């Protein structure tokens, strides 16, 4: 099973910023390659920091539950978080096959953006009045 990392082993293009927004602390992950931003609540970020190559996902989740029983996400929430981080290319895997997958996903995203710009002429804006 490939190992997953976020903390020290996150992709080099991802930077983490702590932000205060409407009186709440958030962690903003900035991917300078795709120029996208992702927000995580402190508990979700703390759980993501426990992911390591030495332990399985279940071991990380159970360890987090022991240390923070009141704040721990459910198993479904934890799986959803990891899936979202993976989909956003914020987890780094130590496997050469995954690099190909990341590049294909990047190409697919670029194609969708290009196609949407190409099709934009179909939506002509005509000013109207009452």
Protein backbone atom coordinates (compact mmCIF):
# COMPACT_ATOMS: atom_id res chain seq x y z
CA UNK A 1 0.00 0.00 0.00
CA UNK A 2 1.44 3.42 -0.92
CA UNK A 3 2.22 5.71 1.94
CA UNK A 4 0.55 9.09 2.25
CA UNK A 5 1.90 12.26 3.74
CA UNK A 6 0.77 15.81 4.28
CA UNK A 7 3.00 17.37 6.90
CA UNK A 8 6.73 17.22 6.14
CA UNK A 9 6.12 15.25 2.96
CA UNK A 10 3.43 17.37 1.36
CA UNK A 11 4.04 18.29 -2.27
CA UNK A 12 6.65 21.05 -2.50
CA UNK A 13 4.15 23.36 -4.21
CA UNK A 14 1.81 23.36 -1.18
CA UNK A 15 2.26 25.97 1.54
CA UNK A 16 0.27 26.12 4.79
CA UNK A 17 -0.95 29.40 6.28
CA UNK A 18 -2.77 29.84 9.57
CA UNK A 19 -5.62 32.32 9.18
CA UNK A 20 -8.14 33.95 11.49
CA UNK A 21 -11.49 34.24 9.69
CA UNK A 22 -14.61 35.54 11.44
CA UNK A 23 -13.14 34.76 14.82
CA UNK A 24 -12.23 31.16 13.88
CA UNK A 25 -8.81 29.72 13.16
CA UNK A 26 -8.44 28.00 9.78
CA UNK A 27 -5.50 26.43 8.01
CA UNK A 28 -5.24 27.47 4.39
CA UNK A 29 -3.36 25.17 2.04
CA UNK A 30 -2.05 27.09 -0.96
CA UNK A 31 -1.10 25.08 -4.03
CA UNK A 32 1.11 27.43 -6.02
CA UNK A 33 1.16 25.04 -8.99
CA UNK A 34 -2.60 25.07 -9.59
CA UNK A 35 -3.11 28.46 -7.90
CA UNK A 36 -5.87 27.03 -5.71
CA UNK A 37 -6.57 27.42 -2.01
CA UNK A 38 -8.11 24.94 0.43
CA UNK A 39 -9.35 25.62 3.97
CA UNK A 40 -9.22 23.13 6.82
CA UNK A 41 -10.56 23.48 10.32
CA UNK A 42 -7.94 23.04 13.06
CA UNK A 43 -9.15 19.54 14.00
CA UNK A 44 -9.14 18.35 10.39
CA UNK A 45 -5.68 19.81 9.91
CA UNK A 46 -4.43 18.20 13.13
CA UNK A 47 -5.76 14.83 11.98
CA UNK A 48 -4.16 15.26 8.54
CA UNK A 49 -0.84 15.93 10.28
CA UNK A 50 -0.98 12.48 11.90
CA UNK A 51 -0.81 10.70 8.53
CA UNK A 52 2.55 9.06 8.02
CA UNK A 53 4.21 6.28 6.08
CA UNK A 54 4.97 4.29 9.23
CA UNK A 55 1.30 3.74 10.11
CA UNK A 56 -1.84 2.78 8.26
CA UNK A 57 -4.80 5.11 7.96
CA UNK A 58 -6.68 3.15 10.62
CA UNK A 59 -3.77 3.36 13.07
CA UNK A 60 -3.54 7.13 12.55
CA UNK A 61 -7.29 7.54 13.02
CA UNK A 62 -7.41 5.38 16.18
CA UNK A 63 -4.41 7.21 17.62
CA UNK A 64 -6.10 10.54 17.01
CA UNK A 65 -9.29 9.31 18.69
CA UNK A 66 -7.30 8.29 21.79
CA UNK A 67 -5.61 11.68 22.05
CA UNK A 68 -8.60 13.86 21.12
CA UNK A 69 -11.82 11.90 21.76
CA UNK A 70 -14.12 14.94 21.70
CA UNK A 71 -12.73 16.46 18.51
CA UNK A 72 -11.99 13.32 16.52
CA UNK A 73 -13.77 12.90 13.20
CA UNK A 74 -15.88 9.84 12.56
CA UNK A 75 -14.34 7.21 10.34
CA UNK A 76 -16.49 8.34 7.43
CA UNK A 77 -15.46 11.98 7.92
CA UNK A 78 -11.80 11.00 8.13
CA UNK A 79 -12.02 8.95 4.94
CA UNK A 80 -13.82 11.80 3.20
CA UNK A 81 -11.11 14.25 4.33
CA UNK A 82 -8.31 12.05 3.02
CA UNK A 83 -10.19 11.50 -0.26
CA UNK A 84 -10.66 15.26 -0.70
CA UNK A 85 -6.99 15.92 0.06
CA UNK A 86 -6.00 13.25 -2.45
CA UNK A 87 -8.36 14.61 -5.11
CA UNK A 88 -6.91 18.10 -4.61
CA UNK A 89 -3.36 16.69 -4.99
CA UNK A 90 -2.47 17.72 -1.44
CA UNK A 91 -1.22 14.28 -0.42
CA UNK A 92 2.09 13.02 -1.66
CA UNK A 93 2.52 9.33 -2.35
CA UNK A 94 5.84 7.56 -2.56
CA UNK A 95 5.08 5.62 -5.67
CA UNK A 96 6.09 6.31 -9.26
CA UNK A 97 2.70 5.19 -10.59
CA UNK A 98 0.97 7.95 -8.65
CA UNK A 99 3.03 10.63 -10.40
CA UNK A 100 1.51 9.52 -13.68
CA UNK A 101 -1.96 9.67 -12.14
CA UNK A 102 -1.34 13.20 -10.84
CA UNK A 103 -0.12 14.35 -14.23
CA UNK A 104 -3.14 12.81 -16.00
CA UNK A 105 -5.47 14.51 -13.52
CA UNK A 106 -3.69 17.82 -14.14
CA UNK A 107 -4.04 17.38 -17.91
CA UNK A 108 -7.73 16.57 -17.57
CA UNK A 109 -8.29 19.71 -15.47
CA UNK A 110 -6.44 21.83 -18.04
CA UNK A 111 -8.54 20.35 -20.86
CA UNK A 112 -11.77 21.15 -19.00
CA UNK A 113 -10.67 24.74 -18.40
CA UNK A 114 -9.67 25.16 -22.05
CA UNK A 115 -12.96 23.68 -23.26
CA UNK A 116 -14.98 25.97 -20.99
CA UNK A 117 -13.12 29.00 -22.36
CA UNK A 118 -13.69 27.80 -25.91
CA UNK A 119 -17.42 27.33 -25.32
CA UNK A 120 -17.80 30.72 -23.62
CA UNK A 121 -18.80 32.36 -26.90
CA UNK A 122 -22.11 30.47 -26.75
CA UNK A 123 -23.14 32.55 -23.78
CA UNK A 124 -23.34 35.98 -25.34
CA UNK A 125 -24.46 38.64 -22.90
CA UNK A 126 -26.99 41.05 -24.30
CA UNK A 127 -27.88 44.02 -22.14
CA UNK A 128 -31.63 44.33 -21.54
CA UNK A 129 -33.83 46.75 -19.70
CA UNK A 130 -37.22 46.68 -18.03
